[in-house]
Amino acid sequence: MEWDTVRFEREEQVGYVILDRPASLNAVNDQLILDLESACQAIQREADLRIVVVKGEGRAFCSGMDLTAAAHRPPTPEALTAAWLPWMRALHILEELPQLTIASVHGPCLGAGFELTLACDFRIAATTAFFSSPQVLYGSPADAGPTYRLPQLIGLAKALEIVILGERFNAAQAERWGLLTRVAEPETLAEETKKLADRCLQVGAKAATAAKFLLRDAAAMDFATLTEAIDRARSDSLATGELDESMQVYRERRKPRV
C-alpha cells in the first residue's frame, strides 16, 4: 500500500498510518485527503489487523488544513463543499474502522489535525504537543463531524470553549479535560504508544469493536434498538470463542491474559 502523502507501516497486528508532508508540518491538502481515505479503505480489508496508530512525520502531528491551497478556492458554497466533503468522508471511514485506533500526537495538532485525533478511539500526546480548533476565528464552523462529538468526550461547556474561542491548549490541559488517554515525554512517546497498542491487543477483538460503537451511539438509540444492538454484539463475541475461552480460564483458575 503506497500513497504520495501518507505512509502505512505494519508490525504484526498493529498498523501505522503516518502523515508524510513534513515540510508543511503535515498540513492537509487535497492529495492527503484522498490518500487518507484510500488508506482507511485498504485497512478495512485487513481482517487480521487489530490496532491502527495515526501519527505524523517530522516536527508535527498535523498543523491543520493547507491554507495556501484554501486561500485560492472561490468563497462559494459549492467550492467549500467540494473541498471539505472528502475530508468528512475520510474521517468517517476512520471512525468506522473495526480496529481500535490511536492518535499519537507530537508538536502542533491544529484544526484538521485536531479533527483527525477526535476520529480516533484513543489519544496519546507528548508533553510538548499543543492543540486548537481555530476555524471559527477564520469565520467558518469546524468542518468535520468528529469535532461535534467533542461534548461526548469532555462535556458541552468545555467543548464550546475549545471550538468557539479557538484558543490553544497544551497536553497537560487536554489530559485534565479528559481528551487524552496518556501524556508522555517526547522521547518516550513512541514507547508509550506501543504500550497502549499492546494493552489494546490483550482485550477481546470483537467485544472491543462492539463496545466502541455502543459507547458512541447508545445515547441516540431507544431501548429496543439498544437491546437489539447489544444482543448482536454478544452473539458476534460468542461466535469468535473469546467469551468461552475467558470462562475456561476462570473455570481452571488460571490467571487471565489481562
C-alpha atoms as a PDB file:
ATOM      1  CA  MET A   1       0.000   0.000   0.000  1.00  0.00           C
ATOM      2  CA  GLU A   2       1.632   3.228  -1.199  1.00  0.00           C
ATOM      3  CA  TRP A   3       0.433   6.835  -1.385  1.00  0.00           C
ATOM      4  CA  ASP A   4       2.023  10.233  -2.038  1.00  0.00           C
ATOM      5  CA  THR A   5       1.319  11.941   1.306  1.00  0.00           C
ATOM      6  CA  VAL A   6       0.585   9.037   3.667  1.00  0.00           C
ATOM      7  CA  ARG A   7       2.690   6.006   4.595  1.00  0.00           C
ATOM      8  CA  PHE A   8       1.445   2.734   6.011  1.00  0.00           C
ATOM      9  CA  GLU A   9       3.695   0.515   8.062  1.00  0.00           C
ATOM     10  CA  ARG A  10       2.812  -2.658   9.872  1.00  0.00           C
ATOM     11  CA  GLU A  11       4.194  -4.566  12.843  1.00  0.00           C
ATOM     12  CA  GLU A  12       2.210  -7.803  13.090  1.00  0.00           C
ATOM     13  CA  GLN A  13      -1.310  -6.830  14.267  1.00  0.00           C
ATOM     14  CA  VAL A  14      -0.546  -3.106  14.642  1.00  0.00           C
ATOM     15  CA  GLY A  15      -0.643  -0.771  11.647  1.00  0.00           C
ATOM     16  CA  TYR A  16       0.747   2.769  11.467  1.00  0.00           C
ATOM     17  CA  VAL A  17      -0.808   5.456   9.269  1.00  0.00           C
ATOM     18  CA  ILE A  18       1.822   8.194   9.013  1.00  0.00           C
ATOM     19  CA  LEU A  19       1.017  11.650   7.638  1.00  0.00           C
ATOM     20  CA  ASP A  20       4.005  12.341   5.389  1.00  0.00           C
ATOM     21  CA  ARG A  21       4.198  16.035   4.440  1.00  0.00           C
ATOM     22  CA  PRO A  22       6.848  17.077   6.977  1.00  0.00           C
ATOM     23  CA  ALA A  23       7.933  20.203   5.060  1.00  0.00           C
ATOM     24  CA  SER A  24       4.441  21.663   5.583  1.00  0.00           C
ATOM     25  CA  LEU A  25       4.055  20.231   9.115  1.00  0.00           C
ATOM     26  CA  ASN A  26       1.703  17.639   7.595  1.00  0.00           C
ATOM     27  CA  ALA A  27      -0.858  20.250   6.582  1.00  0.00           C
ATOM     28  CA  VAL A  28      -3.907  18.658   4.983  1.00  0.00           C
ATOM     29  CA  ASN A  29      -4.228  19.290   1.248  1.00  0.00           C
ATOM     30  CA  ASP A  30      -6.461  17.658  -1.350  1.00  0.00           C
ATOM     31  CA  GLN A  31      -3.978  14.861  -2.032  1.00  0.00           C
ATOM     32  CA  LEU A  32      -3.588  13.980   1.647  1.00  0.00           C
ATOM     33  CA  ILE A  33      -7.372  13.772   1.980  1.00  0.00           C
ATOM     34  CA  LEU A  34      -7.583  11.346  -0.934  1.00  0.00           C
ATOM     35  CA  ASP A  35      -4.633   9.331   0.382  1.00  0.00           C
ATOM     36  CA  LEU A  36      -6.057   9.102   3.904  1.00  0.00           C
ATOM     37  CA  GLU A  37      -9.409   7.933   2.571  1.00  0.00           C
ATOM     38  CA  SER A  38      -7.728   5.328   0.375  1.00  0.00           C
ATOM     39  CA  ALA A  39      -5.531   4.142   3.246  1.00  0.00           C
ATOM     40  CA  CYS A  40      -8.522   3.721   5.553  1.00  0.00           C
ATOM     41  CA  GLN A  41     -10.405   1.815   2.877  1.00  0.00           C
ATOM     42  CA  ALA A  42      -7.427  -0.510   2.466  1.00  0.00           C
ATOM     43  CA  ILE A  43      -7.196  -1.007   6.240  1.00  0.00           C
ATOM     44  CA  GLN A  44     -10.868  -2.039   6.297  1.00  0.00           C
ATOM     45  CA  ARG A  45      -9.850  -5.061   4.246  1.00  0.00           C
ATOM     46  CA  GLU A  46      -7.027  -6.082   6.615  1.00  0.00           C
ATOM     47  CA  ALA A  47      -9.029  -8.623   8.616  1.00  0.00           C
ATOM     48  CA  ASP A  48      -6.124  -9.642  10.864  1.00  0.00           C
ATOM     49  CA  LEU A  49      -5.124  -6.069  11.745  1.00  0.00           C
ATOM     50  CA  ARG A  50      -6.205  -5.212  15.297  1.00  0.00           C
ATOM     51  CA  ILE A  51      -4.832  -1.730  16.054  1.00  0.00           C
ATOM     52  CA  VAL A  52      -4.271   1.386  13.901  1.00  0.00           C
ATOM     53  CA  VAL A  53      -1.956   4.154  15.099  1.00  0.00           C
ATOM     54  CA  VAL A  54      -2.173   7.552  13.366  1.00  0.00           C
ATOM     55  CA  LYS A  55       0.881   9.806  13.671  1.00  0.00           C
ATOM     56  CA  GLY A  56       2.810  12.494  11.830  1.00  0.00           C
ATOM     57  CA  GLU A  57       6.248  12.548  10.232  1.00  0.00           C
ATOM     58  CA  GLY A  58       8.705  15.262  11.230  1.00  0.00           C
ATOM     59  CA  ARG A  59       8.138  18.055  13.744  1.00  0.00           C
ATOM     60  CA  ALA A  60       4.333  17.976  13.872  1.00  0.00           C
ATOM     61  CA  PHE A  61       1.353  15.721  14.060  1.00  0.00           C
ATOM     62  CA  CYS A  62      -0.691  17.994  11.767  1.00  0.00           C
ATOM     63  CA  SER A  63      -0.761  21.790  11.502  1.00  0.00           C
ATOM     64  CA  GLY A  64      -4.291  21.841  10.053  1.00  0.00           C
ATOM     65  CA  MET A  65      -5.629  22.481   6.592  1.00  0.00           C
ATOM     66  CA  ASP A  66      -3.183  23.748   3.989  1.00  0.00           C
ATOM     67  CA  LEU A  67      -4.152  27.427   3.999  1.00  0.00           C
ATOM     68  CA  THR A  68      -2.129  28.151   0.850  1.00  0.00           C
ATOM     69  CA  ALA A  69      -4.463  25.896  -1.118  1.00  0.00           C
ATOM     70  CA  ALA A  70      -7.549  27.079   0.767  1.00  0.00           C
ATOM     71  CA  ALA A  71      -6.834  30.745   0.056  1.00  0.00           C
ATOM     72  CA  HIS A  72      -7.149  30.133  -3.689  1.00  0.00           C
ATOM     73  CA  ARG A  73     -10.561  28.488  -3.517  1.00  0.00           C
ATOM     74  CA  PRO A  74     -13.547  30.651  -4.522  1.00  0.00           C
ATOM     75  CA  PRO A  75     -15.701  31.534  -1.456  1.00  0.00           C
ATOM     76  CA  THR A  76     -18.811  29.773  -2.725  1.00  0.00           C
ATOM     77  CA  PRO A  77     -20.883  27.038  -1.053  1.00  0.00           C
ATOM     78  CA  GLU A  78     -20.185  24.705  -3.968  1.00  0.00           C
ATOM     79  CA  ALA A  79     -16.406  25.163  -3.731  1.00  0.00           C
ATOM     80  CA  LEU A  80     -16.390  24.729   0.030  1.00  0.00           C
ATOM     81  CA  THR A  81     -18.498  21.582  -0.159  1.00  0.00           C
ATOM     82  CA  ALA A  82     -16.268  20.116  -2.868  1.00  0.00           C
ATOM     83  CA  ALA A  83     -13.224  20.767  -0.674  1.00  0.00           C
ATOM     84  CA  TRP A  84     -14.493  19.649   2.724  1.00  0.00           C
ATOM     85  CA  LEU A  85     -16.859  16.771   1.924  1.00  0.00           C
ATOM     86  CA  PRO A  86     -13.995  14.396   1.035  1.00  0.00           C
ATOM     87  CA  TRP A  87     -12.355  15.239   4.389  1.00  0.00           C
ATOM     88  CA  MET A  88     -15.606  14.454   6.206  1.00  0.00           C
ATOM     89  CA  ARG A  89     -15.803  11.173   4.304  1.00  0.00           C
ATOM     90  CA  ALA A  90     -12.191  10.211   5.091  1.00  0.00           C
ATOM     91  CA  LEU A  91     -12.652  10.856   8.817  1.00  0.00           C
ATOM     92  CA  HIS A  92     -15.951   8.977   8.824  1.00  0.00           C
ATOM     93  CA  ILE A  93     -14.235   5.907   7.368  1.00  0.00           C
ATOM     94  CA  LEU A  94     -11.537   6.218  10.043  1.00  0.00           C
ATOM     95  CA  GLU A  95     -14.186   6.468  12.785  1.00  0.00           C
ATOM     96  CA  GLU A  96     -15.965   3.384  11.436  1.00  0.00           C
ATOM     97  CA  LEU A  97     -12.899   1.147  11.253  1.00  0.00           C
ATOM     98  CA  PRO A  98     -13.430  -2.110  13.157  1.00  0.00           C
ATOM     99  CA  GLN A  99      -9.893  -1.815  14.529  1.00  0.00           C
ATOM    100  CA  LEU A 100      -9.135   0.182  17.665  1.00  0.00           C
ATOM    101  CA  THR A 101      -7.464   3.440  16.672  1.00  0.00           C
ATOM    102  CA  ILE A 102      -4.869   5.547  18.493  1.00  0.00           C
ATOM    103  CA  ALA A 103      -3.740   9.081  17.640  1.00  0.00           C
ATOM    104  CA  SER A 104      -0.106   9.555  18.705  1.00  0.00           C
ATOM    105  CA  VAL A 105       0.433  13.315  18.812  1.00  0.00           C
ATOM    106  CA  HIS A 106       3.543  15.456  18.946  1.00  0.00           C
ATOM    107  CA  GLY A 107       4.035  19.134  18.157  1.00  0.00           C
ATOM    108  CA  PRO A 108       1.200  21.148  16.578  1.00  0.00           C
ATOM    109  CA  CYS A 109      -2.219  19.482  16.358  1.00  0.00           C
ATOM    110  CA  LEU A 110      -4.425  22.204  14.942  1.00  0.00           C
ATOM    111  CA  GLY A 111      -7.731  22.459  13.103  1.00  0.00           C
ATOM    112  CA  ALA A 112      -7.961  19.489  10.767  1.00  0.00           C
ATOM    113  CA  GLY A 113      -5.300  17.729  12.826  1.00  0.00           C
ATOM    114  CA  PHE A 114      -7.459  18.097  15.932  1.00  0.00           C
ATOM    115  CA  GLU A 115     -10.443  16.758  13.963  1.00  0.00           C
ATOM    116  CA  LEU A 116      -8.309  13.784  12.965  1.00  0.00           C
ATOM    117  CA  THR A 117      -7.474  12.931  16.584  1.00  0.00           C
ATOM    118  CA  LEU A 118     -11.146  13.116  17.551  1.00  0.00           C
ATOM    119  CA  ALA A 119     -11.937  10.483  14.915  1.00  0.00           C
ATOM    120  CA  CYS A 120      -9.687   8.043  16.813  1.00  0.00           C
ATOM    121  CA  ASP A 121     -10.679   5.945  19.811  1.00  0.00           C
ATOM    122  CA  PHE A 122      -7.681   6.882  21.963  1.00  0.00           C
ATOM    123  CA  ARG A 123      -5.308   9.827  22.025  1.00  0.00           C
ATOM    124  CA  ILE A 124      -1.804   9.927  23.489  1.00  0.00           C
ATOM    125  CA  ALA A 125       0.381  13.026  23.269  1.00  0.00           C
ATOM    126  CA  ALA A 126       3.859  14.271  24.045  1.00  0.00           C
ATOM    127  CA  THR A 127       4.106  16.900  26.760  1.00  0.00           C
ATOM    128  CA  THR A 128       5.200  19.370  24.069  1.00  0.00           C
ATOM    129  CA  ALA A 129       2.085  18.858  21.917  1.00  0.00           C
ATOM    130  CA  PHE A 130      -0.434  21.662  21.593  1.00  0.00           C
ATOM    131  CA  PHE A 131      -3.933  21.795  20.172  1.00  0.00           C
ATOM    132  CA  SER A 132      -6.611  24.135  18.875  1.00  0.00           C
ATOM    133  CA  SER A 133      -9.783  24.231  16.811  1.00  0.00           C
ATOM    134  CA  PRO A 134      -9.414  27.706  15.255  1.00  0.00           C
ATOM    135  CA  GLN A 135     -11.884  27.562  12.363  1.00  0.00           C
ATOM    136  CA  VAL A 136     -14.375  29.964  13.970  1.00  0.00           C
ATOM    137  CA  LEU A 137     -11.582  32.552  14.167  1.00  0.00           C
ATOM    138  CA  TYR A 138     -11.469  32.413  10.346  1.00  0.00           C
ATOM    139  CA  GLY A 139     -15.237  32.838  10.066  1.00  0.00           C
ATOM    140  CA  SER A 140     -16.117  29.179   9.495  1.00  0.00           C
ATOM    141  CA  PRO A 141     -17.508  26.456  11.744  1.00  0.00           C
ATOM    142  CA  ALA A 142     -15.353  23.389  12.253  1.00  0.00           C
ATOM    143  CA  ASP A 143     -15.576  21.319   9.094  1.00  0.00           C
ATOM    144  CA  ALA A 144     -15.653  17.686  10.200  1.00  0.00           C
ATOM    145  CA  GLY A 145     -18.099  15.593  12.157  1.00  0.00           C
ATOM    146  CA  PRO A 146     -15.723  14.325  14.868  1.00  0.00           C
ATOM    147  CA  THR A 147     -15.491  17.860  16.277  1.00  0.00           C
ATOM    148  CA  TYR A 148     -19.170  17.710  17.131  1.00  0.00           C
ATOM    149  CA  ARG A 149     -18.631  14.564  19.172  1.00  0.00           C
ATOM    150  CA  LEU A 150     -16.442  16.644  21.478  1.00  0.00           C
ATOM    151  CA  PRO A 151     -19.225  17.205  24.074  1.00  0.00           C
ATOM    152  CA  GLN A 152     -19.473  13.427  24.453  1.00  0.00           C
ATOM    153  CA  LEU A 153     -15.816  13.368  25.439  1.00  0.00           C
ATOM    154  CA  ILE A 154     -15.468  16.391  27.699  1.00  0.00           C
ATOM    155  CA  GLY A 155     -18.895  17.983  28.191  1.00  0.00           C
ATOM    156  CA  LEU A 156     -20.658  20.833  26.425  1.00  0.00           C
ATOM    157  CA  ALA A 157     -19.175  23.740  28.390  1.00  0.00           C
ATOM    158  CA  LYS A 158     -15.541  22.869  27.642  1.00  0.00           C
ATOM    159  CA  ALA A 159     -16.392  21.903  24.039  1.00  0.00           C
ATOM    160  CA  LEU A 160     -17.944  25.340  23.499  1.00  0.00           C
ATOM    161  CA  GLU A 161     -14.806  26.960  24.872  1.00  0.00           C
ATOM    162  CA  ILE A 162     -12.477  24.967  22.633  1.00  0.00           C
ATOM    163  CA  VAL A 163     -14.469  25.260  19.388  1.00  0.00           C
ATOM    164  CA  ILE A 164     -15.849  28.805  19.638  1.00  0.00           C
ATOM    165  CA  LEU A 165     -12.969  30.638  21.339  1.00  0.00           C
ATOM    166  CA  GLY A 166     -10.356  28.743  19.325  1.00  0.00           C
ATOM    167  CA  GLU A 167      -7.625  29.168  21.909  1.00  0.00           C
ATOM    168  CA  ARG A 168      -4.583  26.911  22.001  1.00  0.00           C
ATOM    169  CA  PHE A 169      -4.161  24.460  24.862  1.00  0.00           C
ATOM    170  CA  ASN A 170      -1.387  22.093  25.829  1.00  0.00           C
ATOM    171  CA  ALA A 171      -1.200  18.368  26.507  1.00  0.00           C
ATOM    172  CA  ALA A 172      -1.498  18.774  30.281  1.00  0.00           C
ATOM    173  CA  GLN A 173      -4.763  20.691  29.843  1.00  0.00           C
ATOM    174  CA  ALA A 174      -6.043  18.168  27.305  1.00  0.00           C
ATOM    175  CA  GLU A 175      -5.354  15.316  29.710  1.00  0.00           C
ATOM    176  CA  ARG A 176      -7.033  17.160  32.584  1.00  0.00           C
ATOM    177  CA  TRP A 177     -10.151  17.741  30.479  1.00  0.00           C
ATOM    178  CA  GLY A 178     -10.359  14.063  29.517  1.00  0.00           C
ATOM    179  CA  LEU A 179      -9.243  14.395  25.892  1.00  0.00           C
ATOM    180  CA  LEU A 180      -6.088  12.296  26.251  1.00  0.00           C
ATOM    181  CA  THR A 181      -5.628   8.739  27.418  1.00  0.00           C
ATOM    182  CA  ARG A 182      -1.999   9.379  28.327  1.00  0.00           C
ATOM    183  CA  VAL A 183       0.725  12.030  28.195  1.00  0.00           C
ATOM    184  CA  ALA A 184       4.351  11.080  27.615  1.00  0.00           C
ATOM    185  CA  GLU A 185       7.689  12.812  27.408  1.00  0.00           C
ATOM    186  CA  PRO A 186       8.680  13.429  23.765  1.00  0.00           C
ATOM    187  CA  GLU A 187      11.478  10.861  23.894  1.00  0.00           C
ATOM    188  CA  THR A 188       9.131   8.148  25.210  1.00  0.00           C
ATOM    189  CA  LEU A 189       6.051   8.889  23.067  1.00  0.00           C
ATOM    190  CA  ALA A 190       6.730   6.016  20.641  1.00  0.00           C
ATOM    191  CA  GLU A 191       7.332   3.596  23.524  1.00  0.00           C
ATOM    192  CA  GLU A 192       4.190   4.671  25.398  1.00  0.00           C
ATOM    193  CA  THR A 193       2.149   4.456  22.191  1.00  0.00           C
ATOM    194  CA  LYS A 194       3.359   0.884  21.715  1.00  0.00           C
ATOM    195  CA  LYS A 195       2.434   0.059  25.317  1.00  0.00           C
ATOM    196  CA  LEU A 196      -1.082   1.357  24.726  1.00  0.00           C
ATOM    197  CA  ALA A 197      -1.338  -0.630  21.485  1.00  0.00           C
ATOM    198  CA  ASP A 198      -0.118  -3.765  23.271  1.00  0.00           C
ATOM    199  CA  ARG A 199      -2.715  -3.229  26.004  1.00  0.00           C
ATOM    200  CA  CYS A 200      -5.422  -2.973  23.343  1.00  0.00           C
ATOM    201  CA  LEU A 201      -4.256  -6.277  21.867  1.00  0.00           C
ATOM    202  CA  GLN A 202      -4.975  -8.002  25.182  1.00  0.00           C
ATOM    203  CA  VAL A 203      -8.728  -7.445  25.046  1.00  0.00           C
ATOM    204  CA  GLY A 204     -11.287  -9.383  23.024  1.00  0.00           C
ATOM    205  CA  ALA A 205     -11.229  -8.090  19.453  1.00  0.00           C
ATOM    206  CA  LYS A 206     -14.925  -8.448  18.602  1.00  0.00           C
ATOM    207  CA  ALA A 207     -16.004  -7.325  22.049  1.00  0.00           C
ATOM    208  CA  ALA A 208     -13.834  -4.188  21.843  1.00  0.00           C
ATOM    209  CA  THR A 209     -15.188  -3.264  18.407  1.00  0.00           C
ATOM    210  CA  ALA A 210     -18.765  -3.719  19.596  1.00  0.00           C
ATOM    211  CA  ALA A 211     -18.149  -1.754  22.775  1.00  0.00           C
ATOM    212  CA  LYS A 212     -16.652   1.252  20.995  1.00  0.00           C
ATOM    213  CA  PHE A 213     -19.677   1.631  18.727  1.00  0.00           C
ATOM    214  CA  LEU A 214     -22.174   1.002  21.528  1.00  0.00           C
ATOM    215  CA  LEU A 215     -20.489   3.574  23.765  1.00  0.00           C
ATOM    216  CA  ARG A 216     -20.518   6.129  20.975  1.00  0.00           C
ATOM    217  CA  ASP A 217     -24.033   5.555  19.650  1.00  0.00           C
ATOM    218  CA  ALA A 218     -26.087   4.341  22.627  1.00  0.00           C
ATOM    219  CA  ALA A 219     -27.315   7.816  23.600  1.00  0.00           C
ATOM    220  CA  ALA A 220     -29.059   8.140  20.226  1.00  0.00           C
ATOM    221  CA  MET A 221     -30.827   4.739  20.478  1.00  0.00           C
ATOM    222  CA  ASP A 222     -34.151   3.929  22.076  1.00  0.00           C
ATOM    223  CA  PHE A 223     -34.321   0.988  24.495  1.00  0.00           C
ATOM    224  CA  ALA A 224     -35.408  -1.585  21.903  1.00  0.00           C
ATOM    225  CA  THR A 225     -32.739  -0.588  19.400  1.00  0.00           C
ATOM    226  CA  LEU A 226     -30.041  -0.608  22.059  1.00  0.00           C
ATOM    227  CA  THR A 227     -31.146  -4.038  23.309  1.00  0.00           C
ATOM    228  CA  GLU A 228     -31.005  -5.458  19.781  1.00  0.00           C
ATOM    229  CA  ALA A 229     -27.558  -3.935  19.231  1.00  0.00           C
ATOM    230  CA  ILE A 230     -26.245  -5.475  22.451  1.00  0.00           C
ATOM    231  CA  ASP A 231     -27.731  -8.865  21.513  1.00  0.00           C
ATOM    232  CA  ARG A 232     -25.998  -8.749  18.116  1.00  0.00           C
ATOM    233  CA  ALA A 233     -22.719  -7.737  19.718  1.00  0.00           C
ATOM    234  CA  ARG A 234     -22.940 -10.552  22.264  1.00  0.00           C
ATOM    235  CA  SER A 235     -23.727 -13.093  19.540  1.00  0.00           C
ATOM    236  CA  ASP A 236     -20.730 -11.927  17.496  1.00  0.00           C
ATOM    237  CA  SER A 237     -18.467 -12.280  20.524  1.00  0.00           C
ATOM    238  CA  LEU A 238     -19.786 -15.771  21.236  1.00  0.00           C
ATOM    239  CA  ALA A 239     -19.114 -16.780  17.635  1.00  0.00           C
ATOM    240  CA  THR A 240     -15.414 -15.907  17.996  1.00  0.00           C
ATOM    241  CA  GLY A 241     -14.999 -18.133  21.042  1.00  0.00           C
ATOM    242  CA  GLU A 242     -13.438 -15.257  23.005  1.00  0.00           C
ATOM    243  CA  LEU A 243     -16.003 -15.410  25.814  1.00  0.00           C
ATOM    244  CA  ASP A 244     -15.848 -19.179  26.123  1.00  0.00           C
ATOM    245  CA  GLU A 245     -12.040 -19.027  26.258  1.00  0.00           C
ATOM    246  CA  SER A 246     -12.203 -16.480  29.085  1.00  0.00           C
ATOM    247  CA  MET A 247     -14.679 -18.597  31.029  1.00  0.00           C
ATOM    248  CA  GLN A 248     -12.403 -21.616  30.586  1.00  0.00           C
ATOM    249  CA  VAL A 249      -9.573 -19.615  32.182  1.00  0.00           C
ATOM    250  CA  TYR A 250     -11.904 -18.816  35.081  1.00  0.00           C
ATOM    251  CA  ARG A 251     -13.034 -22.420  35.463  1.00  0.00           C
ATOM    252  CA  GLU A 252      -9.440 -23.624  35.535  1.00  0.00           C
ATOM    253  CA  ARG A 253      -8.481 -20.817  37.942  1.00  0.00           C
ATOM    254  CA  ARG A 254      -5.692 -19.668  35.666  1.00  0.00           C
ATOM    255  CA  LYS A 255      -4.576 -16.053  35.511  1.00  0.00           C
ATOM    256  CA  PRO A 256      -6.396 -14.104  32.781  1.00  0.00           C
ATOM    257  CA  ARG A 257      -4.357 -12.602  29.955  1.00  0.00           C
ATOM    258  CA  VAL A 258      -5.083  -9.069  31.177  1.00  0.00           C
END
